[in-house]
Amino acid sequence: MNQQQGAYYEQLAASYLQQQGLQLVAQNFQCKAGEIDLVMRQGSCWVFVEVKYRASQAFGGALAAVTYSKQQKVRRAVQWYCQLHRLNEQPCRIDVLAVQGPAPYQYQWLQNAFS
């Protein structure tokens, strides 16, 4: 998938989560440690979202693409973000939003997915 396609599915994910009551803070935060697709707020909680898209359930679907290695990269990027923005005392969690298509897309939202 190219960057343009990735941005499209991340925007779909952001819109879906906003409809669920979350507030978008940032998209595609990048640092030496890795990348965070979406940074959002749900009330006082910071929510860091890994977005995965797959066209089908073949090979396990979108959720299967969030490997242990990917989880570690996201965790490091979240730690970096929290230090940079001094959020270390704030409640936060890491979610995964799996988008499966073709349209109409199916969404599977795992809250606190890496705990």
PDB file of N, CA and C in Angstrom:
ATOM      1  N   MET A   1       0.864  -1.180   0.000  1.00  0.00           N
ATOM      2  CA  MET A   1       0.000   0.000   0.000  1.00  0.00           C
ATOM      3  C   MET A   1       0.904   1.234   0.000  1.00  0.00           C
ATOM      4  N   ASN A   2       0.567   2.210  -0.831  1.00  0.00           N
ATOM      5  CA  ASN A   2       1.374   3.420  -0.874  1.00  0.00           C
ATOM      6  C   ASN A   2       0.897   4.437   0.173  1.00  0.00           C
ATOM      7  N   GLN A   3       1.657   5.532   0.299  1.00  0.00           N
ATOM      8  CA  GLN A   3       1.341   6.539   1.324  1.00  0.00           C
ATOM      9  C   GLN A   3      -0.035   7.161   1.128  1.00  0.00           C
ATOM     10  N   GLN A   4      -0.416   7.382  -0.114  1.00  0.00           N
ATOM     11  CA  GLN A   4      -1.709   7.998  -0.405  1.00  0.00           C
ATOM     12  C   GLN A   4      -2.853   7.090   0.054  1.00  0.00           C
ATOM     13  N   GLN A   5      -2.736   5.787  -0.215  1.00  0.00           N
ATOM     14  CA  GLN A   5      -3.754   4.844   0.237  1.00  0.00           C
ATOM     15  C   GLN A   5      -3.782   4.772   1.765  1.00  0.00           C
ATOM     16  N   GLY A   6      -2.606   4.749   2.377  1.00  0.00           N
ATOM     17  CA  GLY A   6      -2.520   4.715   3.832  1.00  0.00           C
ATOM     18  C   GLY A   6      -3.200   5.924   4.451  1.00  0.00           C
ATOM     19  N   ALA A   7      -2.953   7.094   3.878  1.00  0.00           N
ATOM     20  CA  ALA A   7      -3.573   8.321   4.380  1.00  0.00           C
ATOM     21  C   ALA A   7      -5.089   8.266   4.247  1.00  0.00           C
ATOM     22  N   TYR A   8      -5.571   7.659   3.171  1.00  0.00           N
ATOM     23  CA  TYR A   8      -7.015   7.536   2.961  1.00  0.00           C
ATOM     24  C   TYR A   8      -7.651   6.700   4.074  1.00  0.00           C
ATOM     25  N   TYR A   9      -7.061   5.553   4.393  1.00  0.00           N
ATOM     26  CA  TYR A   9      -7.636   4.678   5.418  1.00  0.00           C
ATOM     27  C   TYR A   9      -7.471   5.266   6.821  1.00  0.00           C
ATOM     28  N   GLU A  10      -6.398   6.013   7.027  1.00  0.00           N
ATOM     29  CA  GLU A  10      -6.242   6.703   8.316  1.00  0.00           C
ATOM     30  C   GLU A  10      -7.303   7.789   8.476  1.00  0.00           C
ATOM     31  N   GLN A  11      -7.639   8.463   7.382  1.00  0.00           N
ATOM     32  CA  GLN A  11      -8.701   9.474   7.448  1.00  0.00           C
ATOM     33  C   GLN A  11     -10.052   8.830   7.704  1.00  0.00           C
ATOM     34  N   LEU A  12     -10.307   7.683   7.062  1.00  0.00           N
ATOM     35  CA  LEU A  12     -11.537   6.931   7.345  1.00  0.00           C
ATOM     36  C   LEU A  12     -11.607   6.565   8.828  1.00  0.00           C
ATOM     37  N   ALA A  13     -10.492   6.098   9.356  1.00  0.00           N
ATOM     38  CA  ALA A  13     -10.426   5.698  10.763  1.00  0.00           C
ATOM     39  C   ALA A  13     -10.654   6.891  11.678  1.00  0.00           C
ATOM     40  N   ALA A  14     -10.044   8.020  11.366  1.00  0.00           N
ATOM     41  CA  ALA A  14     -10.226   9.227  12.182  1.00  0.00           C
ATOM     42  C   ALA A  14     -11.693   9.648  12.183  1.00  0.00           C
ATOM     43  N   SER A  15     -12.329   9.622  11.027  1.00  0.00           N
ATOM     44  CA  SER A  15     -13.744   9.990  10.936  1.00  0.00           C
ATOM     45  C   SER A  15     -14.611   9.035  11.751  1.00  0.00           C
ATOM     46  N   TYR A  16     -14.330   7.735  11.648  1.00  0.00           N
ATOM     47  CA  TYR A  16     -15.083   6.739  12.408  1.00  0.00           C
ATOM     48  C   TYR A  16     -14.946   6.989  13.911  1.00  0.00           C
ATOM     49  N   LEU A  17     -13.724   7.225  14.370  1.00  0.00           N
ATOM     50  CA  LEU A  17     -13.509   7.436  15.811  1.00  0.00           C
ATOM     51  C   LEU A  17     -14.111   8.755  16.290  1.00  0.00           C
ATOM     52  N   GLN A  18     -14.100   9.766  15.438  1.00  0.00           N
ATOM     53  CA  GLN A  18     -14.749  11.029  15.795  1.00  0.00           C
ATOM     54  C   GLN A  18     -16.251  10.826  15.947  1.00  0.00           C
ATOM     55  N   GLN A  19     -16.832   9.981  15.120  1.00  0.00           N
ATOM     56  CA  GLN A  19     -18.260   9.668  15.258  1.00  0.00           C
ATOM     57  C   GLN A  19     -18.534   8.929  16.572  1.00  0.00           C
ATOM     58  N   GLN A  20     -17.506   8.266  17.110  1.00  0.00           N
ATOM     59  CA  GLN A  20     -17.646   7.558  18.384  1.00  0.00           C
ATOM     60  C   GLN A  20     -17.364   8.474  19.580  1.00  0.00           C
ATOM     61  N   GLY A  21     -17.083   9.750  19.306  1.00  0.00           N
ATOM     62  CA  GLY A  21     -16.900  10.721  20.377  1.00  0.00           C
ATOM     63  C   GLY A  21     -15.467  11.104  20.691  1.00  0.00           C
ATOM     64  N   LEU A  22     -14.483  10.598  19.946  1.00  0.00           N
ATOM     65  CA  LEU A  22     -13.097  10.969  20.194  1.00  0.00           C
ATOM     66  C   LEU A  22     -12.764  12.251  19.447  1.00  0.00           C
ATOM     67  N   GLN A  23     -11.755  12.960  19.940  1.00  0.00           N
ATOM     68  CA  GLN A  23     -11.329  14.215  19.340  1.00  0.00           C
ATOM     69  C   GLN A  23      -9.941  14.018  18.731  1.00  0.00           C
ATOM     70  N   LEU A  24      -9.785  14.364  17.466  1.00  0.00           N
ATOM     71  CA  LEU A  24      -8.509  14.227  16.775  1.00  0.00           C
ATOM     72  C   LEU A  24      -7.539  15.314  17.233  1.00  0.00           C
ATOM     73  N   VAL A  25      -6.331  14.897  17.620  1.00  0.00           N
ATOM     74  CA  VAL A  25      -5.287  15.827  18.040  1.00  0.00           C
ATOM     75  C   VAL A  25      -4.192  15.916  16.979  1.00  0.00           C
ATOM     76  N   ALA A  26      -3.755  14.761  16.459  1.00  0.00           N
ATOM     77  CA  ALA A  26      -2.676  14.747  15.468  1.00  0.00           C
ATOM     78  C   ALA A  26      -2.759  13.480  14.624  1.00  0.00           C
ATOM     79  N   GLN A  27      -2.178  13.566  13.434  1.00  0.00           N
ATOM     80  CA  GLN A  27      -2.086  12.410  12.549  1.00  0.00           C
ATOM     81  C   GLN A  27      -0.637  12.216  12.139  1.00  0.00           C
ATOM     82  N   ASN A  28      -0.235  10.970  11.985  1.00  0.00           N
ATOM     83  CA  ASN A  28       1.086  10.610  11.483  1.00  0.00           C
ATOM     84  C   ASN A  28       2.231  11.269  12.246  1.00  0.00           C
ATOM     85  N   PHE A  29       2.207  11.132  13.559  1.00  0.00           N
ATOM     86  CA  PHE A  29       3.327  11.605  14.366  1.00  0.00           C
ATOM     87  C   PHE A  29       4.501  10.664  14.120  1.00  0.00           C
ATOM     88  N   GLN A  30       5.635  11.229  13.725  1.00  0.00           N
ATOM     89  CA  GLN A  30       6.819  10.420  13.449  1.00  0.00           C
ATOM     90  C   GLN A  30       7.984  10.881  14.300  1.00  0.00           C
ATOM     91  N   CYS A  31       8.752   9.920  14.758  1.00  0.00           N
ATOM     92  CA  CYS A  31       9.952  10.197  15.527  1.00  0.00           C
ATOM     93  C   CYS A  31      10.950   9.077  15.272  1.00  0.00           C
ATOM     94  N   LYS A  32      12.107   9.155  15.904  1.00  0.00           N
ATOM     95  CA  LYS A  32      13.126   8.115  15.725  1.00  0.00           C
ATOM     96  C   LYS A  32      12.620   6.743  16.143  1.00  0.00           C
ATOM     97  N   ALA A  33      11.732   6.714  17.113  1.00  0.00           N
ATOM     98  CA  ALA A  33      11.246   5.447  17.667  1.00  0.00           C
ATOM     99  C   ALA A  33      10.209   4.767  16.774  1.00  0.00           C
ATOM    100  N   GLY A  34       9.516   5.526  15.944  1.00  0.00           N
ATOM    101  CA  GLY A  34       8.472   4.941  15.106  1.00  0.00           C
ATOM    102  C   GLY A  34       7.421   5.967  14.724  1.00  0.00           C
ATOM    103  N   GLU A  35       6.208   5.487  14.494  1.00  0.00           N
ATOM    104  CA  GLU A  35       5.117   6.349  14.028  1.00  0.00           C
ATOM    105  C   GLU A  35       3.834   6.025  14.783  1.00  0.00           C
ATOM    106  N   ILE A  36       3.040   7.070  15.012  1.00  0.00           N
ATOM    107  CA  ILE A  36       1.699   6.912  15.571  1.00  0.00           C
ATOM    108  C   ILE A  36       0.733   7.414  14.511  1.00  0.00           C
ATOM    109  N   ASP A  37      -0.194   6.545  14.087  1.00  0.00           N
ATOM    110  CA  ASP A  37      -1.115   6.935  13.016  1.00  0.00           C
ATOM    111  C   ASP A  37      -2.045   8.064  13.452  1.00  0.00           C
ATOM    112  N   LEU A  38      -2.710   7.892  14.599  1.00  0.00           N
ATOM    113  CA  LEU A  38      -3.651   8.903  15.098  1.00  0.00           C
ATOM    114  C   LEU A  38      -3.416   9.144  16.582  1.00  0.00           C
ATOM    115  N   VAL A  39      -3.410  10.413  16.957  1.00  0.00           N
ATOM    116  CA  VAL A  39      -3.398  10.799  18.369  1.00  0.00           C
ATOM    117  C   VAL A  39      -4.738  11.465  18.623  1.00  0.00           C
ATOM    118  N   MET A  40      -5.479  10.918  19.598  1.00  0.00           N
ATOM    119  CA  MET A  40      -6.835  11.401  19.859  1.00  0.00           C
ATOM    120  C   MET A  40      -7.041  11.567  21.357  1.00  0.00           C
ATOM    121  N   ARG A  41      -8.148  12.192  21.700  1.00  0.00           N
ATOM    122  CA  ARG A  41      -8.549  12.323  23.107  1.00  0.00           C
ATOM    123  C   ARG A  41      -9.961  11.772  23.255  1.00  0.00           C
ATOM    124  N   GLN A  42     -10.163  11.086  24.360  1.00  0.00           N
ATOM    125  CA  GLN A  42     -11.499  10.637  24.758  1.00  0.00           C
ATOM    126  C   GLN A  42     -11.660  11.091  26.196  1.00  0.00           C
ATOM    127  N   GLY A  43     -12.345  12.222  26.364  1.00  0.00           N
ATOM    128  CA  GLY A  43     -12.417  12.829  27.689  1.00  0.00           C
ATOM    129  C   GLY A  43     -11.023  13.261  28.105  1.00  0.00           C
ATOM    130  N   SER A  44     -10.571  12.822  29.277  1.00  0.00           N
ATOM    131  CA  SER A  44      -9.241  13.191  29.768  1.00  0.00           C
ATOM    132  C   SER A  44      -8.170  12.193  29.344  1.00  0.00           C
ATOM    133  N   CYS A  45      -8.560  11.148  28.627  1.00  0.00           N
ATOM    134  CA  CYS A  45      -7.631  10.083  28.237  1.00  0.00           C
ATOM    135  C   CYS A  45      -7.039  10.344  26.849  1.00  0.00           C
ATOM    136  N   TRP A  46      -5.718  10.235  26.751  1.00  0.00           N
ATOM    137  CA  TRP A  46      -5.043  10.302  25.458  1.00  0.00           C
ATOM    138  C   TRP A  46      -5.134   8.925  24.813  1.00  0.00           C
ATOM    139  N   VAL A  47      -5.504   8.884  23.546  1.00  0.00           N
ATOM    140  CA  VAL A  47      -5.683   7.624  22.832  1.00  0.00           C
ATOM    141  C   VAL A  47      -4.770   7.635  21.607  1.00  0.00           C
ATOM    142  N   PHE A  48      -3.868   6.665  21.553  1.00  0.00           N
ATOM    143  CA  PHE A  48      -2.932   6.522  20.445  1.00  0.00           C
ATOM    144  C   PHE A  48      -3.412   5.341  19.606  1.00  0.00           C
ATOM    145  N   VAL A  49      -3.661   5.578  18.319  1.00  0.00           N
ATOM    146  CA  VAL A  49      -4.343   4.590  17.495  1.00  0.00           C
ATOM    147  C   VAL A  49      -3.446   4.097  16.361  1.00  0.00           C
ATOM    148  N   GLU A  50      -3.304   2.785  16.285  1.00  0.00           N
ATOM    149  CA  GLU A  50      -2.657   2.126  15.156  1.00  0.00           C
ATOM    150  C   GLU A  50      -3.777   1.700  14.200  1.00  0.00           C
ATOM    151  N   VAL A  51      -3.707   2.155  12.956  1.00  0.00           N
ATOM    152  CA  VAL A  51      -4.724   1.847  11.956  1.00  0.00           C
ATOM    153  C   VAL A  51      -4.172   0.794  11.003  1.00  0.00           C
ATOM    154  N   LYS A  52      -4.945  -0.255  10.777  1.00  0.00           N
ATOM    155  CA  LYS A  52      -4.552  -1.288   9.821  1.00  0.00           C
ATOM    156  C   LYS A  52      -5.698  -1.548   8.856  1.00  0.00           C
ATOM    157  N   TYR A  53      -5.383  -1.615   7.564  1.00  0.00           N
ATOM    158  CA  TYR A  53      -6.375  -1.921   6.545  1.00  0.00           C
ATOM    159  C   TYR A  53      -5.979  -3.206   5.826  1.00  0.00           C
ATOM    160  N   ARG A  54      -6.965  -4.021   5.558  1.00  0.00           N
ATOM    161  CA  ARG A  54      -6.793  -5.183   4.701  1.00  0.00           C
ATOM    162  C   ARG A  54      -8.059  -5.335   3.877  1.00  0.00           C
ATOM    163  N   ALA A  55      -7.890  -5.761   2.641  1.00  0.00           N
ATOM    164  CA  ALA A  55      -9.026  -5.910   1.745  1.00  0.00           C
ATOM    165  C   ALA A  55      -9.849  -7.140   2.092  1.00  0.00           C
ATOM    166  N   SER A  56      -9.220  -8.127   2.748  1.00  0.00           N
ATOM    167  CA  SER A  56      -9.942  -9.359   3.063  1.00  0.00           C
ATOM    168  C   SER A  56      -9.413  -9.974   4.357  1.00  0.00           C
ATOM    169  N   GLN A  57     -10.043 -11.076   4.747  1.00  0.00           N
ATOM    170  CA  GLN A  57      -9.630 -11.813   5.940  1.00  0.00           C
ATOM    171  C   GLN A  57      -8.486 -12.782   5.641  1.00  0.00           C
ATOM    172  N   ALA A  58      -8.083 -12.870   4.399  1.00  0.00           N
ATOM    173  CA  ALA A  58      -6.983 -13.769   4.036  1.00  0.00           C
ATOM    174  C   ALA A  58      -5.747 -13.443   4.869  1.00  0.00           C
ATOM    175  N   PHE A  59      -5.034 -14.449   5.277  1.00  0.00           N
ATOM    176  CA  PHE A  59      -3.824 -14.300   6.080  1.00  0.00           C
ATOM    177  C   PHE A  59      -4.108 -13.657   7.437  1.00  0.00           C
ATOM    178  N   GLY A  60      -5.342 -13.787   7.928  1.00  0.00           N
ATOM    179  CA  GLY A  60      -5.666 -13.288   9.257  1.00  0.00           C
ATOM    180  C   GLY A  60      -6.308 -11.917   9.310  1.00  0.00           C
ATOM    181  N   GLY A  61      -6.385 -11.221   8.207  1.00  0.00           N
ATOM    182  CA  GLY A  61      -7.026  -9.914   8.184  1.00  0.00           C
ATOM    183  C   GLY A  61      -6.161  -8.816   8.775  1.00  0.00           C
ATOM    184  N   ALA A  62      -6.782  -7.683   9.023  1.00  0.00           N
ATOM    185  CA  ALA A  62      -6.058  -6.486   9.466  1.00  0.00           C
ATOM    186  C   ALA A  62      -5.443  -6.650  10.852  1.00  0.00           C
ATOM    187  N   LEU A  63      -6.153  -7.290  11.761  1.00  0.00           N
ATOM    188  CA  LEU A  63      -5.628  -7.424  13.122  1.00  0.00           C
ATOM    189  C   LEU A  63      -4.361  -8.267  13.166  1.00  0.00           C
ATOM    190  N   ALA A  64      -4.266  -9.260  12.313  1.00  0.00           N
ATOM    191  CA  ALA A  64      -3.081 -10.114  12.286  1.00  0.00           C
ATOM    192  C   ALA A  64      -1.833  -9.345  11.849  1.00  0.00           C
ATOM    193  N   ALA A  65      -2.025  -8.200  11.206  1.00  0.00           N
ATOM    194  CA  ALA A  65      -0.899  -7.395  10.743  1.00  0.00           C
ATOM    195  C   ALA A  65      -0.251  -6.599  11.872  1.00  0.00           C
ATOM    196  N   VAL A  66      -0.871  -6.564  13.039  1.00  0.00           N
ATOM    197  CA  VAL A  66      -0.294  -5.846  14.183  1.00  0.00           C
ATOM    198  C   VAL A  66       0.543  -6.854  14.970  1.00  0.00           C
ATOM    199  N   THR A  67       1.749  -7.058  14.497  1.00  0.00           N
ATOM    200  CA  THR A  67       2.656  -8.047  15.081  1.00  0.00           C
ATOM    201  C   THR A  67       3.255  -7.527  16.388  1.00  0.00           C
ATOM    202  N   TYR A  68       3.911  -8.427  17.098  1.00  0.00           N
ATOM    203  CA  TYR A  68       4.599  -8.039  18.337  1.00  0.00           C
ATOM    204  C   TYR A  68       5.633  -6.950  18.056  1.00  0.00           C
ATOM    205  N   SER A  69       6.366  -7.094  16.975  1.00  0.00           N
ATOM    206  CA  SER A  69       7.371  -6.098  16.600  1.00  0.00           C
ATOM    207  C   SER A  69       6.716  -4.733  16.359  1.00  0.00           C
ATOM    208  N   LYS A  70       5.580  -4.723  15.670  1.00  0.00           N
ATOM    209  CA  LYS A  70       4.856  -3.473  15.418  1.00  0.00           C
ATOM    210  C   LYS A  70       4.367  -2.867  16.725  1.00  0.00           C
ATOM    211  N   GLN A  71       3.883  -3.703  17.627  1.00  0.00           N
ATOM    212  CA  GLN A  71       3.428  -3.222  18.929  1.00  0.00           C
ATOM    213  C   GLN A  71       4.568  -2.533  19.674  1.00  0.00           C
ATOM    214  N   GLN A  72       5.759  -3.121  19.637  1.00  0.00           N
ATOM    215  CA  GLN A  72       6.907  -2.530  20.324  1.00  0.00           C
ATOM    216  C   GLN A  72       7.265  -1.169  19.732  1.00  0.00           C
ATOM    217  N   LYS A  73       7.227  -1.045  18.407  1.00  0.00           N
ATOM    218  CA  LYS A  73       7.516   0.233  17.755  1.00  0.00           C
ATOM    219  C   LYS A  73       6.500   1.292  18.155  1.00  0.00           C
ATOM    220  N   VAL A  74       5.227   0.910  18.181  1.00  0.00           N
ATOM    221  CA  VAL A  74       4.183   1.865  18.561  1.00  0.00           C
ATOM    222  C   VAL A  74       4.371   2.281  20.019  1.00  0.00           C
ATOM    223  N   ARG A  75       4.651   1.335  20.889  1.00  0.00           N
ATOM    224  CA  ARG A  75       4.882   1.660  22.307  1.00  0.00           C
ATOM    225  C   ARG A  75       6.019   2.680  22.476  1.00  0.00           C
ATOM    226  N   ARG A  76       7.121   2.457  21.757  1.00  0.00           N
ATOM    227  CA  ARG A  76       8.258   3.384  21.851  1.00  0.00           C
ATOM    228  C   ARG A  76       7.875   4.766  21.331  1.00  0.00           C
ATOM    229  N   ALA A  77       7.121   4.813  20.243  1.00  0.00           N
ATOM    230  CA  ALA A  77       6.690   6.105  19.701  1.00  0.00           C
ATOM    231  C   ALA A  77       5.756   6.825  20.676  1.00  0.00           C
ATOM    232  N   VAL A  78       4.878   6.076  21.339  1.00  0.00           N
ATOM    233  CA  VAL A  78       3.976   6.670  22.332  1.00  0.00           C
ATOM    234  C   VAL A  78       4.784   7.224  23.513  1.00  0.00           C
ATOM    235  N   GLN A  79       5.766   6.489  23.970  1.00  0.00           N
ATOM    236  CA  GLN A  79       6.617   6.983  25.060  1.00  0.00           C
ATOM    237  C   GLN A  79       7.312   8.281  24.653  1.00  0.00           C
ATOM    238  N   TRP A  80       7.807   8.312  23.434  1.00  0.00           N
ATOM    239  CA  TRP A  80       8.472   9.505  22.903  1.00  0.00           C
ATOM    240  C   TRP A  80       7.487  10.683  22.883  1.00  0.00           C
ATOM    241  N   TYR A  81       6.287  10.446  22.359  1.00  0.00           N
ATOM    242  CA  TYR A  81       5.265  11.492  22.277  1.00  0.00           C
ATOM    243  C   TYR A  81       4.928  12.019  23.673  1.00  0.00           C
ATOM    244  N   CYS A  82       4.740  11.110  24.611  1.00  0.00           N
ATOM    245  CA  CYS A  82       4.374  11.513  25.979  1.00  0.00           C
ATOM    246  C   CYS A  82       5.479  12.333  26.638  1.00  0.00           C
ATOM    247  N   GLN A  83       6.726  11.961  26.401  1.00  0.00           N
ATOM    248  CA  GLN A  83       7.834  12.747  26.952  1.00  0.00           C
ATOM    249  C   GLN A  83       7.900  14.117  26.291  1.00  0.00           C
ATOM    250  N   LEU A  84       7.763  14.140  24.983  1.00  0.00           N
ATOM    251  CA  LEU A  84       7.838  15.392  24.231  1.00  0.00           C
ATOM    252  C   LEU A  84       6.764  16.382  24.679  1.00  0.00           C
ATOM    253  N   HIS A  85       5.556  15.886  24.946  1.00  0.00           N
ATOM    254  CA  HIS A  85       4.424  16.739  25.300  1.00  0.00           C
ATOM    255  C   HIS A  85       4.119  16.736  26.804  1.00  0.00           C
ATOM    256  N   ARG A  86       5.027  16.146  27.578  1.00  0.00           N
ATOM    257  CA  ARG A  86       4.905  16.111  29.051  1.00  0.00           C
ATOM    258  C   ARG A  86       3.558  15.533  29.498  1.00  0.00           C
ATOM    259  N   LEU A  87       3.237  14.369  28.972  1.00  0.00           N
ATOM    260  CA  LEU A  87       1.970  13.710  29.290  1.00  0.00           C
ATOM    261  C   LEU A  87       2.159  12.523  30.233  1.00  0.00           C
ATOM    262  N   ASN A  88       3.321  12.404  30.843  1.00  0.00           N
ATOM    263  CA  ASN A  88       3.640  11.210  31.620  1.00  0.00           C
ATOM    264  C   ASN A  88       2.688  10.950  32.776  1.00  0.00           C
ATOM    265  N   GLU A  89       2.014  11.955  33.279  1.00  0.00           N
ATOM    266  CA  GLU A  89       1.068  11.771  34.383  1.00  0.00           C
ATOM    267  C   GLU A  89      -0.387  11.663  33.898  1.00  0.00           C
ATOM    268  N   GLN A  90      -0.580  11.732  32.583  1.00  0.00           N
ATOM    269  CA  GLN A  90      -1.925  11.704  32.019  1.00  0.00           C
ATOM    270  C   GLN A  90      -2.351  10.264  31.714  1.00  0.00           C
ATOM    271  N   PRO A  91      -3.645   9.967  31.854  1.00  0.00           N
ATOM    272  CA  PRO A  91      -4.104   8.629  31.457  1.00  0.00           C
ATOM    273  C   PRO A  91      -4.019   8.485  29.941  1.00  0.00           C
ATOM    274  N   CYS A  92      -3.537   7.326  29.490  1.00  0.00           N
ATOM    275  CA  CYS A  92      -3.465   7.083  28.048  1.00  0.00           C
ATOM    276  C   CYS A  92      -3.609   5.594  27.769  1.00  0.00           C
ATOM    277  N   ARG A  93      -3.915   5.297  26.515  1.00  0.00           N
ATOM    278  CA  ARG A  93      -4.019   3.907  26.082  1.00  0.00           C
ATOM    279  C   ARG A  93      -3.665   3.830  24.601  1.00  0.00           C
ATOM    280  N   ILE A  94      -3.377   2.618  24.151  1.00  0.00           N
ATOM    281  CA  ILE A  94      -3.093   2.372  22.742  1.00  0.00           C
ATOM    282  C   ILE A  94      -4.207   1.488  22.191  1.00  0.00           C
ATOM    283  N   ASP A  95      -4.859   1.972  21.149  1.00  0.00           N
ATOM    284  CA  ASP A  95      -5.947   1.246  20.495  1.00  0.00           C
ATOM    285  C   ASP A  95      -5.501   0.794  19.106  1.00  0.00           C
ATOM    286  N   VAL A  96      -6.196  -0.195  18.581  1.00  0.00           N
ATOM    287  CA  VAL A  96      -6.019  -0.603  17.191  1.00  0.00           C
ATOM    288  C   VAL A  96      -7.382  -0.492  16.518  1.00  0.00           C
ATOM    289  N   LEU A  97      -7.398   0.144  15.359  1.00  0.00           N
ATOM    290  CA  LEU A  97      -8.619   0.182  14.557  1.00  0.00           C
ATOM    291  C   LEU A  97      -8.325  -0.549  13.255  1.00  0.00           C
ATOM    292  N   ALA A  98      -8.965  -1.696  13.099  1.00  0.00           N
ATOM    293  CA  ALA A  98      -8.815  -2.497  11.890  1.00  0.00           C
ATOM    294  C   ALA A  98      -9.934  -2.122  10.929  1.00  0.00           C
ATOM    295  N   VAL A  99      -9.559  -1.802   9.708  1.00  0.00           N
ATOM    296  CA  VAL A  99     -10.516  -1.454   8.658  1.00  0.00           C
ATOM    297  C   VAL A  99     -10.408  -2.546   7.602  1.00  0.00           C
ATOM    298  N   GLN A 100     -11.543  -3.130   7.287  1.00  0.00           N
ATOM    299  CA  GLN A 100     -11.554  -4.189   6.292  1.00  0.00           C
ATOM    300  C   GLN A 100     -12.532  -3.840   5.189  1.00  0.00           C
ATOM    301  N   GLY A 101     -12.143  -4.080   3.958  1.00  0.00           N
ATOM    302  CA  GLY A 101     -12.971  -3.698   2.840  1.00  0.00           C
ATOM    303  C   GLY A 101     -13.044  -4.799   1.840  1.00  0.00           C
ATOM    304  N   PRO A 102     -13.639  -4.588   0.729  1.00  0.00           N
ATOM    305  CA  PRO A 102     -14.012  -3.307   0.117  1.00  0.00           C
ATOM    306  C   PRO A 102     -15.245  -2.671   0.756  1.00  0.00           C
ATOM    307  N   ALA A 103     -15.515  -1.430   0.299  1.00  0.00           N
ATOM    308  CA  ALA A 103     -16.654  -0.683   0.834  1.00  0.00           C
ATOM    309  C   ALA A 103     -17.937  -1.474   0.614  1.00  0.00           C
ATOM    310  N   PRO A 104     -18.862  -1.447   1.546  1.00  0.00           N
ATOM    311  CA  PRO A 104     -18.818  -0.690   2.801  1.00  0.00           C
ATOM    312  C   PRO A 104     -17.845  -1.339   3.782  1.00  0.00           C
ATOM    313  N   TYR A 105     -16.980  -0.515   4.330  1.00  0.00           N
ATOM    314  CA  TYR A 105     -15.910  -1.010   5.186  1.00  0.00           C
ATOM    315  C   TYR A 105     -16.449  -1.514   6.520  1.00  0.00           C
ATOM    316  N   GLN A 106     -15.757  -2.488   7.062  1.00  0.00           N
ATOM    317  CA  GLN A 106     -16.062  -2.996   8.396  1.00  0.00           C
ATOM    318  C   GLN A 106     -14.968  -2.501   9.328  1.00  0.00           C
ATOM    319  N   TYR A 107     -15.365  -2.067  10.512  1.00  0.00           N
ATOM    320  CA  TYR A 107     -14.413  -1.549  11.493  1.00  0.00           C
ATOM    321  C   TYR A 107     -14.402  -2.452  12.716  1.00  0.00           C
ATOM    322  N   GLN A 108     -13.217  -2.727  13.210  1.00  0.00           N
ATOM    323  CA  GLN A 108     -13.068  -3.459  14.463  1.00  0.00           C
ATOM    324  C   GLN A 108     -12.132  -2.631  15.330  1.00  0.00           C
ATOM    325  N   TRP A 109     -12.680  -2.100  16.428  1.00  0.00           N
ATOM    326  CA  TRP A 109     -11.946  -1.181  17.296  1.00  0.00           C
ATOM    327  C   TRP A 109     -11.591  -1.907  18.589  1.00  0.00           C
ATOM    328  N   LEU A 110     -10.305  -2.111  18.789  1.00  0.00           N
ATOM    329  CA  LEU A 110      -9.816  -2.736  20.021  1.00  0.00           C
ATOM    330  C   LEU A 110      -9.238  -1.659  20.918  1.00  0.00           C
ATOM    331  N   GLN A 111      -9.917  -1.368  21.998  1.00  0.00           N
ATOM    332  CA  GLN A 111      -9.441  -0.376  22.946  1.00  0.00           C
ATOM    333  C   GLN A 111      -8.439  -1.022  23.895  1.00  0.00           C
ATOM    334  N   ASN A 112      -7.400  -0.254  24.219  1.00  0.00           N
ATOM    335  CA  ASN A 112      -6.349  -0.741  25.114  1.00  0.00           C
ATOM    336  C   ASN A 112      -5.788  -2.067  24.598  1.00  0.00           C
ATOM    337  N   ALA A 113      -5.492  -2.096  23.320  1.00  0.00           N
ATOM    338  CA  ALA A 113      -5.161  -3.341  22.616  1.00  0.00           C
ATOM    339  C   ALA A 113      -3.854  -3.986  23.047  1.00  0.00           C
ATOM    340  N   PHE A 114      -2.910  -3.202  23.549  1.00  0.00           N
ATOM    341  CA  PHE A 114      -1.595  -3.753  23.848  1.00  0.00           C
ATOM    342  C   PHE A 114      -1.383  -4.087  25.306  1.00  0.00           C
ATOM    343  N   SER A 115      -2.431  -4.009  26.115  1.00  0.00           N
ATOM    344  CA  SER A 115      -2.244  -4.247  27.557  1.00  0.00           C
ATOM    345  C   SER A 115      -2.240  -5.731  27.871  1.00  0.00           C
TER     346      SER A 115
END
